[in-house]
Amino acid sequence: MAAGLAVEVIAGVAVARAVWPEHGSAAVSRRPGAHVFVPSGAPVRVQVPAIGVDAAIDPLGLRSDGHVEVPADYDHVGWYAGSAVPGAAGPTVLLGHIDTHTGPAVFYRLGRLQPGDRVVVDRADVAVARFVVDRVIQFRKSQFPTAEVYGPTARPELRMITCAGPFHRHYRDNLVVFAHLQP
C-alpha cells in the first residue's frame, strides 16, 4: 500500500477557478508552505457514522503547481480553504487519504457510503452542518470532472474525495462523495 491521496487531476483548481473565481471567504496562497487564511466558519471536525469516521479537519491551500495540498496527517481530513465553508452556498471540499504504506487511513471506507447516509461537519464558530449523501462515484483521474466537483452550486453541498481503483505506483481513480445540506 502507498500513500493514498494523489491529487494530480482532482485538483485541477486552475480550471475550476476559470469557472468559479475565488469562491468563499478564504484567502489561499499559491506559495508552498504559506499560511492559509480561514474564515471563522471553517470546518474543524467531520463525523461519518456509517463508516466510523470521526476526524479532525485541517485547512489546505494550493501547492506551487496549483493543485490542492493533501493532508499531512493520514488520520485527519483536509478542507480545501478555497471552497465554501460548510452550510454556505457552493461545495465544501474535504479530502482524505485512503491508506498509508502501513495500512488504512481516514477515508479507507469512503466507498461504502450509500445515498441517505449522514455526514456531520462541526465548524470553528460552533455551528454544525449536517449533510445527506446523494451519490458516490468513482472517476478515472484522467477524466476527473473538475467543474462538477469544485464548481459553483446554488445550494450548500459537500464533496469528499479520496483515491480509488487499481494501484500501480499510484491510484488510477478518485472516489467522490456528493452530498447536500440537510434541510
N, C-alpha and C. Protein backbone atom coordinates (compact mmCIF):
# COMPACT_ATOMS: atom_id res chain seq x y z
N MET A 1 0.85 -1.19 0.00
CA MET A 1 0.00 0.00 0.00
C MET A 1 0.88 1.24 0.00
N ALA A 2 0.37 2.28 -0.58
CA ALA A 2 1.13 3.52 -0.63
C ALA A 2 0.23 4.66 -0.19
N ALA A 3 0.83 5.80 0.05
CA ALA A 3 0.05 6.96 0.45
C ALA A 3 -1.06 7.18 -0.55
N GLY A 4 -2.25 7.40 -0.02
CA GLY A 4 -3.43 7.29 -0.85
C GLY A 4 -3.99 8.48 -1.56
N LEU A 5 -3.65 9.70 -1.32
CA LEU A 5 -4.40 10.78 -1.95
C LEU A 5 -3.52 11.54 -2.91
N ALA A 6 -3.39 11.03 -4.10
CA ALA A 6 -2.67 11.75 -5.13
C ALA A 6 -3.68 12.63 -5.83
N VAL A 7 -3.43 13.91 -5.85
CA VAL A 7 -4.43 14.83 -6.38
C VAL A 7 -3.99 15.47 -7.68
N GLU A 8 -3.32 14.72 -8.50
CA GLU A 8 -2.83 15.29 -9.74
C GLU A 8 -3.97 15.80 -10.61
N VAL A 9 -5.08 15.08 -10.68
CA VAL A 9 -6.17 15.52 -11.53
C VAL A 9 -7.28 16.14 -10.72
N ILE A 10 -7.57 15.61 -9.52
CA ILE A 10 -8.71 16.15 -8.78
C ILE A 10 -8.53 17.61 -8.47
N ALA A 11 -7.32 18.05 -8.40
CA ALA A 11 -7.11 19.42 -8.00
C ALA A 11 -6.78 20.29 -9.19
N GLY A 12 -7.46 20.10 -10.25
CA GLY A 12 -7.29 20.99 -11.39
C GLY A 12 -7.98 22.28 -11.06
N VAL A 13 -7.56 22.88 -9.97
CA VAL A 13 -8.22 24.05 -9.43
C VAL A 13 -8.14 25.21 -10.40
N ALA A 14 -7.10 25.28 -11.19
CA ALA A 14 -7.00 26.37 -12.16
C ALA A 14 -8.19 26.33 -13.11
N VAL A 15 -8.61 25.14 -13.52
CA VAL A 15 -9.77 25.01 -14.38
C VAL A 15 -11.02 25.43 -13.63
N ALA A 16 -11.15 24.98 -12.39
CA ALA A 16 -12.33 25.33 -11.60
C ALA A 16 -12.39 26.84 -11.38
N ARG A 17 -11.25 27.47 -11.15
CA ARG A 17 -11.24 28.91 -10.90
C ARG A 17 -11.67 29.69 -12.13
N ALA A 18 -11.43 29.15 -13.32
CA ALA A 18 -11.88 29.82 -14.53
C ALA A 18 -13.41 29.88 -14.55
N VAL A 19 -14.04 28.83 -14.01
CA VAL A 19 -15.49 28.76 -13.96
C VAL A 19 -16.00 29.42 -12.68
N TRP A 20 -15.19 29.37 -11.63
CA TRP A 20 -15.63 29.70 -10.28
C TRP A 20 -14.53 30.49 -9.57
N PRO A 21 -14.38 31.79 -9.83
CA PRO A 21 -13.28 32.55 -9.26
C PRO A 21 -13.43 32.79 -7.76
N GLU A 22 -12.35 32.56 -7.03
CA GLU A 22 -12.23 32.85 -5.59
C GLU A 22 -13.55 32.72 -4.84
N HIS A 23 -14.08 31.51 -4.82
CA HIS A 23 -15.32 31.23 -4.12
C HIS A 23 -15.09 31.21 -2.62
N GLY A 24 -16.04 31.69 -1.89
CA GLY A 24 -15.94 31.65 -0.43
C GLY A 24 -15.12 32.81 0.10
N SER A 25 -14.92 32.81 1.39
CA SER A 25 -14.23 33.93 2.01
C SER A 25 -12.80 33.61 2.41
N ALA A 26 -12.33 32.44 2.06
CA ALA A 26 -10.98 32.06 2.45
C ALA A 26 -9.98 32.59 1.45
N ALA A 27 -8.89 33.13 1.93
CA ALA A 27 -7.81 33.54 1.05
C ALA A 27 -6.77 32.43 1.08
N VAL A 28 -6.43 31.91 -0.07
CA VAL A 28 -5.49 30.80 -0.14
C VAL A 28 -4.27 31.24 -0.91
N SER A 29 -3.11 31.06 -0.34
CA SER A 29 -1.87 31.44 -1.00
C SER A 29 -1.43 30.38 -1.98
N ARG A 30 -0.82 30.77 -3.07
CA ARG A 30 -0.27 29.82 -4.03
C ARG A 30 1.19 29.50 -3.71
N ARG A 31 1.75 30.11 -2.69
CA ARG A 31 3.14 29.82 -2.31
C ARG A 31 3.18 28.59 -1.43
N PRO A 32 4.06 27.63 -1.75
CA PRO A 32 4.13 26.44 -0.90
C PRO A 32 4.55 26.82 0.51
N GLY A 33 3.87 26.21 1.46
CA GLY A 33 4.20 26.45 2.86
C GLY A 33 3.67 27.76 3.40
N ALA A 34 3.02 28.57 2.54
CA ALA A 34 2.49 29.85 3.00
C ALA A 34 1.27 29.59 3.89
N HIS A 35 0.98 30.54 4.73
CA HIS A 35 -0.16 30.43 5.65
C HIS A 35 -1.47 30.41 4.86
N VAL A 36 -2.38 29.57 5.27
CA VAL A 36 -3.71 29.51 4.68
C VAL A 36 -4.64 30.23 5.64
N PHE A 37 -5.29 31.28 5.16
CA PHE A 37 -6.22 32.03 5.98
C PHE A 37 -7.59 31.38 5.88
N VAL A 38 -8.23 31.21 7.01
CA VAL A 38 -9.54 30.55 7.01
C VAL A 38 -10.54 31.41 7.77
N PRO A 39 -11.80 31.37 7.33
CA PRO A 39 -12.84 32.15 8.00
C PRO A 39 -13.27 31.50 9.31
N SER A 40 -14.03 32.22 10.10
CA SER A 40 -14.47 31.70 11.39
C SER A 40 -15.36 30.47 11.25
N GLY A 41 -16.03 30.30 10.13
CA GLY A 41 -16.90 29.15 9.91
C GLY A 41 -16.20 27.94 9.32
N ALA A 42 -14.88 27.94 9.36
CA ALA A 42 -14.11 26.83 8.79
C ALA A 42 -14.45 25.52 9.49
N PRO A 43 -14.47 24.41 8.74
CA PRO A 43 -14.75 23.12 9.37
C PRO A 43 -13.57 22.66 10.23
N VAL A 44 -13.89 22.04 11.37
CA VAL A 44 -12.84 21.57 12.27
C VAL A 44 -12.92 20.07 12.57
N ARG A 45 -14.08 19.46 12.32
CA ARG A 45 -14.26 18.03 12.60
C ARG A 45 -15.34 17.48 11.70
N VAL A 46 -15.14 16.23 11.24
CA VAL A 46 -16.13 15.56 10.42
C VAL A 46 -16.45 14.21 11.03
N GLN A 47 -17.73 13.87 11.04
CA GLN A 47 -18.18 12.57 11.53
C GLN A 47 -19.04 11.93 10.45
N VAL A 48 -18.71 10.70 10.13
CA VAL A 48 -19.47 9.92 9.15
C VAL A 48 -19.79 8.59 9.82
N PRO A 49 -20.87 8.53 10.59
CA PRO A 49 -21.19 7.35 11.39
C PRO A 49 -21.25 6.04 10.60
N ALA A 50 -21.76 6.07 9.39
CA ALA A 50 -21.93 4.84 8.61
C ALA A 50 -20.61 4.11 8.33
N ILE A 51 -19.49 4.86 8.36
CA ILE A 51 -18.19 4.23 8.09
C ILE A 51 -17.20 4.45 9.23
N GLY A 52 -17.69 4.91 10.36
CA GLY A 52 -16.84 5.03 11.54
C GLY A 52 -15.81 6.14 11.49
N VAL A 53 -16.05 7.19 10.73
CA VAL A 53 -15.10 8.31 10.67
C VAL A 53 -15.48 9.36 11.70
N ASP A 54 -14.51 9.78 12.49
CA ASP A 54 -14.61 10.90 13.41
C ASP A 54 -13.22 11.51 13.43
N ALA A 55 -13.03 12.55 12.61
CA ALA A 55 -11.67 13.05 12.39
C ALA A 55 -11.60 14.57 12.44
N ALA A 56 -10.45 15.05 12.86
CA ALA A 56 -10.15 16.48 12.80
C ALA A 56 -9.97 16.89 11.35
N ILE A 57 -10.25 18.16 11.09
CA ILE A 57 -10.09 18.71 9.74
C ILE A 57 -9.04 19.81 9.79
N ASP A 58 -8.10 19.74 8.85
CA ASP A 58 -7.04 20.74 8.71
C ASP A 58 -7.26 21.53 7.43
N PRO A 59 -7.05 22.85 7.44
CA PRO A 59 -7.20 23.63 6.21
C PRO A 59 -6.07 23.32 5.24
N LEU A 60 -6.41 23.32 3.96
CA LEU A 60 -5.44 23.08 2.89
C LEU A 60 -5.46 24.24 1.91
N GLY A 61 -4.30 24.59 1.41
CA GLY A 61 -4.19 25.61 0.37
C GLY A 61 -3.81 24.95 -0.94
N LEU A 62 -3.09 25.68 -1.75
CA LEU A 62 -2.64 25.16 -3.03
C LEU A 62 -1.13 24.97 -3.02
N ARG A 63 -0.67 23.94 -3.70
CA ARG A 63 0.76 23.74 -3.90
C ARG A 63 1.24 24.72 -4.96
N SER A 64 2.53 24.82 -5.13
CA SER A 64 3.09 25.76 -6.10
C SER A 64 2.66 25.44 -7.53
N ASP A 65 2.26 24.18 -7.80
CA ASP A 65 1.82 23.82 -9.16
C ASP A 65 0.33 24.06 -9.36
N GLY A 66 -0.36 24.63 -8.36
CA GLY A 66 -1.78 24.93 -8.49
C GLY A 66 -2.71 23.83 -8.03
N HIS A 67 -2.17 22.68 -7.63
CA HIS A 67 -3.00 21.59 -7.12
C HIS A 67 -3.24 21.76 -5.63
N VAL A 68 -4.36 21.23 -5.16
CA VAL A 68 -4.67 21.30 -3.73
C VAL A 68 -3.65 20.49 -2.94
N GLU A 69 -3.24 21.04 -1.80
CA GLU A 69 -2.38 20.29 -0.90
C GLU A 69 -3.12 19.05 -0.42
N VAL A 70 -2.39 18.09 0.12
CA VAL A 70 -3.01 16.92 0.72
C VAL A 70 -2.79 16.97 2.23
N PRO A 71 -3.66 16.33 3.00
CA PRO A 71 -3.48 16.35 4.45
C PRO A 71 -2.13 15.75 4.84
N ALA A 72 -1.46 16.38 5.79
CA ALA A 72 -0.18 15.88 6.28
C ALA A 72 -0.36 14.68 7.18
N ASP A 73 -1.49 14.61 7.86
CA ASP A 73 -1.78 13.52 8.79
C ASP A 73 -2.78 12.57 8.14
N TYR A 74 -2.43 11.30 8.07
CA TYR A 74 -3.29 10.30 7.41
C TYR A 74 -4.58 10.03 8.17
N ASP A 75 -4.65 10.43 9.43
CA ASP A 75 -5.87 10.25 10.23
C ASP A 75 -6.73 11.51 10.26
N HIS A 76 -6.28 12.58 9.60
CA HIS A 76 -7.05 13.81 9.52
C HIS A 76 -7.62 13.97 8.12
N VAL A 77 -8.65 14.78 8.04
CA VAL A 77 -9.24 15.16 6.76
C VAL A 77 -8.77 16.57 6.46
N GLY A 78 -8.63 16.90 5.19
CA GLY A 78 -8.26 18.25 4.79
C GLY A 78 -9.45 18.96 4.17
N TRP A 79 -9.56 20.25 4.44
CA TRP A 79 -10.58 21.09 3.81
C TRP A 79 -9.90 22.04 2.87
N TYR A 80 -10.26 22.02 1.59
CA TYR A 80 -9.70 22.97 0.65
C TYR A 80 -10.28 24.33 1.00
N ALA A 81 -9.44 25.21 1.55
CA ALA A 81 -9.88 26.50 2.07
C ALA A 81 -10.33 27.46 0.97
N GLY A 82 -10.19 27.08 -0.29
CA GLY A 82 -10.73 27.86 -1.38
C GLY A 82 -12.16 27.46 -1.71
N SER A 83 -12.69 26.47 -1.00
CA SER A 83 -14.07 26.05 -1.22
C SER A 83 -14.96 26.68 -0.15
N ALA A 84 -16.25 26.45 -0.29
CA ALA A 84 -17.22 27.06 0.63
C ALA A 84 -17.06 26.53 2.05
N VAL A 85 -17.41 27.38 3.02
CA VAL A 85 -17.50 26.90 4.39
C VAL A 85 -18.76 26.05 4.47
N PRO A 86 -18.77 25.03 5.31
CA PRO A 86 -19.95 24.17 5.41
C PRO A 86 -21.21 24.96 5.75
N GLY A 87 -22.24 24.77 4.94
CA GLY A 87 -23.50 25.45 5.14
C GLY A 87 -23.70 26.65 4.24
N ALA A 88 -22.62 27.14 3.61
CA ALA A 88 -22.73 28.25 2.66
C ALA A 88 -22.99 27.68 1.27
N ALA A 89 -23.58 28.49 0.40
CA ALA A 89 -23.83 28.04 -0.96
C ALA A 89 -22.51 27.66 -1.63
N GLY A 90 -22.54 26.57 -2.36
CA GLY A 90 -21.34 26.07 -3.04
C GLY A 90 -20.85 24.80 -2.38
N PRO A 91 -19.89 24.14 -3.02
CA PRO A 91 -19.38 22.90 -2.45
C PRO A 91 -18.29 23.13 -1.41
N THR A 92 -18.43 22.44 -0.29
CA THR A 92 -17.36 22.33 0.69
C THR A 92 -16.57 21.10 0.27
N VAL A 93 -15.26 21.23 0.07
CA VAL A 93 -14.46 20.12 -0.44
C VAL A 93 -13.54 19.59 0.65
N LEU A 94 -13.74 18.31 1.01
CA LEU A 94 -12.93 17.62 2.00
C LEU A 94 -12.14 16.51 1.31
N LEU A 95 -10.86 16.40 1.63
CA LEU A 95 -10.00 15.38 1.05
C LEU A 95 -9.39 14.54 2.16
N GLY A 96 -9.22 13.26 1.89
CA GLY A 96 -8.60 12.38 2.88
C GLY A 96 -7.89 11.24 2.20
N HIS A 97 -6.87 10.74 2.85
CA HIS A 97 -6.12 9.60 2.32
C HIS A 97 -6.93 8.32 2.47
N ILE A 98 -6.73 7.40 1.54
CA ILE A 98 -7.36 6.08 1.62
C ILE A 98 -6.49 5.12 2.43
N ASP A 99 -5.18 5.26 2.29
CA ASP A 99 -4.27 4.37 3.02
C ASP A 99 -2.90 4.98 3.15
N THR A 100 -2.04 4.26 3.85
CA THR A 100 -0.64 4.63 4.01
C THR A 100 0.19 3.41 3.63
N HIS A 101 1.49 3.50 3.76
CA HIS A 101 2.32 2.34 3.47
C HIS A 101 2.19 1.26 4.55
N THR A 102 1.51 1.60 5.66
CA THR A 102 1.35 0.61 6.74
C THR A 102 -0.09 0.15 6.96
N GLY A 103 -1.07 0.75 6.26
CA GLY A 103 -2.45 0.31 6.45
C GLY A 103 -3.47 1.36 6.10
N PRO A 104 -4.73 1.15 6.50
CA PRO A 104 -5.82 2.06 6.16
C PRO A 104 -5.64 3.46 6.75
N ALA A 105 -6.19 4.45 6.05
CA ALA A 105 -6.20 5.84 6.51
C ALA A 105 -7.65 6.28 6.71
N VAL A 106 -7.86 7.55 6.97
CA VAL A 106 -9.15 8.09 7.39
C VAL A 106 -10.30 7.80 6.42
N PHE A 107 -10.08 7.85 5.12
CA PHE A 107 -11.17 7.63 4.16
C PHE A 107 -11.12 6.24 3.53
N TYR A 108 -10.57 5.29 4.24
CA TYR A 108 -10.44 3.93 3.72
C TYR A 108 -11.80 3.33 3.34
N ARG A 109 -12.84 3.61 4.10
CA ARG A 109 -14.17 3.04 3.85
C ARG A 109 -15.11 3.99 3.12
N LEU A 110 -14.60 5.08 2.58
CA LEU A 110 -15.46 6.08 1.95
C LEU A 110 -16.35 5.49 0.86
N GLY A 111 -15.84 4.53 0.12
CA GLY A 111 -16.60 3.90 -0.96
C GLY A 111 -17.80 3.09 -0.50
N ARG A 112 -17.91 2.86 0.81
CA ARG A 112 -19.06 2.11 1.34
C ARG A 112 -20.28 2.98 1.60
N LEU A 113 -20.11 4.29 1.49
CA LEU A 113 -21.25 5.17 1.74
C LEU A 113 -22.34 4.94 0.70
N GLN A 114 -23.58 5.15 1.14
CA GLN A 114 -24.76 4.96 0.30
C GLN A 114 -25.60 6.23 0.34
N PRO A 115 -26.40 6.48 -0.71
CA PRO A 115 -27.32 7.61 -0.65
C PRO A 115 -28.17 7.52 0.62
N GLY A 116 -28.32 8.67 1.27
CA GLY A 116 -29.08 8.73 2.52
C GLY A 116 -28.21 8.71 3.76
N ASP A 117 -26.94 8.25 3.65
CA ASP A 117 -26.04 8.28 4.80
C ASP A 117 -25.78 9.73 5.21
N ARG A 118 -25.49 9.93 6.48
CA ARG A 118 -25.31 11.27 7.05
C ARG A 118 -23.85 11.60 7.27
N VAL A 119 -23.54 12.90 7.12
CA VAL A 119 -22.21 13.43 7.40
C VAL A 119 -22.41 14.68 8.24
N VAL A 120 -21.71 14.76 9.36
CA VAL A 120 -21.82 15.91 10.26
C VAL A 120 -20.48 16.64 10.26
N VAL A 121 -20.55 17.95 9.99
CA VAL A 121 -19.32 18.76 9.97
C VAL A 121 -19.46 19.85 11.03
N ASP A 122 -18.56 19.83 12.01
CA ASP A 122 -18.51 20.86 13.04
C ASP A 122 -17.65 22.00 12.53
N ARG A 123 -18.10 23.24 12.79
CA ARG A 123 -17.37 24.42 12.35
C ARG A 123 -16.69 25.08 13.54
N ALA A 124 -15.68 25.90 13.25
CA ALA A 124 -14.94 26.60 14.30
C ALA A 124 -15.81 27.59 15.06
N ASP A 125 -16.86 28.07 14.43
CA ASP A 125 -17.76 29.03 15.09
C ASP A 125 -18.89 28.32 15.85
N VAL A 126 -18.74 27.06 16.14
CA VAL A 126 -19.63 26.16 16.86
C VAL A 126 -20.92 25.79 16.11
N ALA A 127 -21.08 26.27 14.91
CA ALA A 127 -22.22 25.83 14.10
C ALA A 127 -21.95 24.40 13.63
N VAL A 128 -23.01 23.69 13.29
CA VAL A 128 -22.90 22.33 12.81
C VAL A 128 -23.65 22.24 11.48
N ALA A 129 -22.99 21.67 10.48
CA ALA A 129 -23.63 21.46 9.18
C ALA A 129 -23.85 19.96 9.01
N ARG A 130 -25.09 19.60 8.71
CA ARG A 130 -25.43 18.18 8.52
C ARG A 130 -25.77 17.95 7.06
N PHE A 131 -25.08 16.97 6.48
CA PHE A 131 -25.25 16.67 5.06
C PHE A 131 -25.82 15.26 4.88
N VAL A 132 -26.46 15.06 3.72
CA VAL A 132 -27.02 13.77 3.34
C VAL A 132 -26.36 13.36 2.02
N VAL A 133 -25.83 12.15 1.98
CA VAL A 133 -25.16 11.66 0.78
C VAL A 133 -26.18 11.46 -0.34
N ASP A 134 -25.84 11.99 -1.52
CA ASP A 134 -26.66 11.84 -2.72
C ASP A 134 -26.14 10.71 -3.60
N ARG A 135 -24.83 10.67 -3.79
CA ARG A 135 -24.23 9.67 -4.67
C ARG A 135 -22.75 9.54 -4.39
N VAL A 136 -22.23 8.38 -4.77
CA VAL A 136 -20.80 8.08 -4.63
C VAL A 136 -20.34 7.59 -5.99
N ILE A 137 -19.37 8.29 -6.58
CA ILE A 137 -18.94 7.97 -7.93
C ILE A 137 -17.43 7.87 -7.99
N GLN A 138 -16.98 6.86 -8.73
CA GLN A 138 -15.54 6.68 -8.97
C GLN A 138 -15.23 7.17 -10.38
N PHE A 139 -14.20 8.03 -10.50
CA PHE A 139 -13.80 8.59 -11.77
C PHE A 139 -12.35 8.24 -12.06
N ARG A 140 -12.03 8.00 -13.31
CA ARG A 140 -10.63 7.92 -13.72
C ARG A 140 -10.03 9.30 -13.52
N LYS A 141 -8.82 9.36 -12.99
CA LYS A 141 -8.18 10.66 -12.79
C LYS A 141 -8.05 11.41 -14.10
N SER A 142 -7.85 10.69 -15.18
CA SER A 142 -7.71 11.33 -16.49
C SER A 142 -9.03 11.92 -17.00
N GLN A 143 -10.15 11.58 -16.34
CA GLN A 143 -11.47 12.08 -16.74
C GLN A 143 -12.19 12.73 -15.56
N PHE A 144 -11.42 13.26 -14.64
CA PHE A 144 -12.00 13.84 -13.44
C PHE A 144 -12.84 15.06 -13.80
N PRO A 145 -14.09 15.14 -13.29
CA PRO A 145 -14.99 16.25 -13.61
C PRO A 145 -14.76 17.46 -12.69
N THR A 146 -13.69 18.17 -12.92
CA THR A 146 -13.28 19.26 -12.04
C THR A 146 -14.40 20.28 -11.81
N ALA A 147 -15.07 20.71 -12.86
CA ALA A 147 -16.12 21.72 -12.70
C ALA A 147 -17.28 21.19 -11.87
N GLU A 148 -17.62 19.90 -12.02
CA GLU A 148 -18.73 19.32 -11.25
C GLU A 148 -18.38 19.20 -9.77
N VAL A 149 -17.12 18.95 -9.48
CA VAL A 149 -16.69 18.79 -8.09
C VAL A 149 -16.41 20.12 -7.42
N TYR A 150 -15.66 21.00 -8.08
CA TYR A 150 -15.23 22.27 -7.48
C TYR A 150 -16.08 23.46 -7.89
N GLY A 151 -16.89 23.32 -8.93
CA GLY A 151 -17.65 24.45 -9.47
C GLY A 151 -18.78 24.91 -8.58
N PRO A 152 -19.34 26.08 -8.89
CA PRO A 152 -20.38 26.67 -8.04
C PRO A 152 -21.67 25.85 -8.04
N THR A 153 -22.36 25.92 -6.93
CA THR A 153 -23.70 25.33 -6.80
C THR A 153 -24.58 26.35 -6.09
N ALA A 154 -25.87 26.31 -6.38
CA ALA A 154 -26.79 27.26 -5.77
C ALA A 154 -27.05 26.95 -4.30
N ARG A 155 -26.94 25.68 -3.94
CA ARG A 155 -27.23 25.29 -2.56
C ARG A 155 -25.93 24.82 -1.88
N PRO A 156 -25.93 24.74 -0.56
CA PRO A 156 -24.78 24.20 0.15
C PRO A 156 -24.63 22.71 -0.14
N GLU A 157 -23.44 22.31 -0.53
CA GLU A 157 -23.17 20.91 -0.84
C GLU A 157 -21.82 20.51 -0.25
N LEU A 158 -21.57 19.23 -0.26
CA LEU A 158 -20.33 18.68 0.27
C LEU A 158 -19.75 17.72 -0.75
N ARG A 159 -18.42 17.74 -0.88
CA ARG A 159 -17.69 16.76 -1.68
C ARG A 159 -16.62 16.17 -0.77
N MET A 160 -16.55 14.84 -0.74
CA MET A 160 -15.48 14.16 -0.02
C MET A 160 -14.73 13.34 -1.06
N ILE A 161 -13.41 13.48 -1.07
CA ILE A 161 -12.60 12.88 -2.14
C ILE A 161 -11.47 12.05 -1.56
N THR A 162 -11.25 10.89 -2.18
CA THR A 162 -10.08 10.06 -1.87
C THR A 162 -9.68 9.33 -3.15
N CYS A 163 -8.62 8.57 -3.06
CA CYS A 163 -8.16 7.77 -4.19
C CYS A 163 -8.94 6.46 -4.23
N ALA A 164 -8.90 5.82 -5.40
CA ALA A 164 -9.62 4.55 -5.58
C ALA A 164 -9.04 3.82 -6.77
N GLY A 165 -9.58 2.63 -7.00
CA GLY A 165 -9.20 1.86 -8.17
C GLY A 165 -7.90 1.10 -8.01
N PRO A 166 -7.41 0.55 -9.10
CA PRO A 166 -6.17 -0.22 -9.05
C PRO A 166 -4.98 0.66 -8.65
N PHE A 167 -4.04 0.04 -7.96
CA PHE A 167 -2.83 0.75 -7.53
C PHE A 167 -1.62 0.17 -8.26
N HIS A 168 -0.95 1.02 -9.02
CA HIS A 168 0.31 0.69 -9.69
C HIS A 168 1.20 1.92 -9.57
N ARG A 169 1.91 2.03 -8.45
CA ARG A 169 2.73 3.18 -8.10
C ARG A 169 1.90 4.41 -7.74
N HIS A 170 0.65 4.45 -8.13
CA HIS A 170 -0.32 5.45 -7.71
C HIS A 170 -1.70 4.89 -8.04
N TYR A 171 -2.71 5.50 -7.44
CA TYR A 171 -4.08 5.05 -7.73
C TYR A 171 -4.53 5.61 -9.07
N ARG A 172 -5.24 4.80 -9.82
CA ARG A 172 -5.72 5.20 -11.14
C ARG A 172 -6.91 6.13 -11.05
N ASP A 173 -7.74 5.98 -10.02
CA ASP A 173 -9.02 6.68 -9.94
C ASP A 173 -9.13 7.55 -8.69
N ASN A 174 -10.19 8.33 -8.66
CA ASN A 174 -10.62 9.06 -7.47
C ASN A 174 -12.06 8.70 -7.17
N LEU A 175 -12.39 8.66 -5.91
CA LEU A 175 -13.75 8.42 -5.45
C LEU A 175 -14.27 9.75 -4.92
N VAL A 176 -15.48 10.13 -5.33
CA VAL A 176 -16.07 11.38 -4.88
C VAL A 176 -17.45 11.10 -4.31
N VAL A 177 -17.67 11.59 -3.10
CA VAL A 177 -18.98 11.53 -2.47
C VAL A 177 -19.62 12.90 -2.65
N PHE A 178 -20.82 12.92 -3.18
CA PHE A 178 -21.59 14.15 -3.37
C PHE A 178 -22.71 14.14 -2.32
N ALA A 179 -22.87 15.24 -1.60
CA ALA A 179 -23.90 15.33 -0.57
C ALA A 179 -24.49 16.74 -0.56
N HIS A 180 -25.70 16.87 0.00
CA HIS A 180 -26.35 18.17 0.12
C HIS A 180 -26.63 18.45 1.59
N LEU A 181 -26.79 19.74 1.91
CA LEU A 181 -27.10 20.13 3.28
C LEU A 181 -28.49 19.66 3.65
N GLN A 182 -28.59 19.03 4.81
CA GLN A 182 -29.88 18.55 5.30
C GLN A 182 -30.74 19.76 5.67
N PRO A 183 -31.98 19.81 5.15
CA PRO A 183 -32.85 20.96 5.46
C PRO A 183 -33.24 20.99 6.93
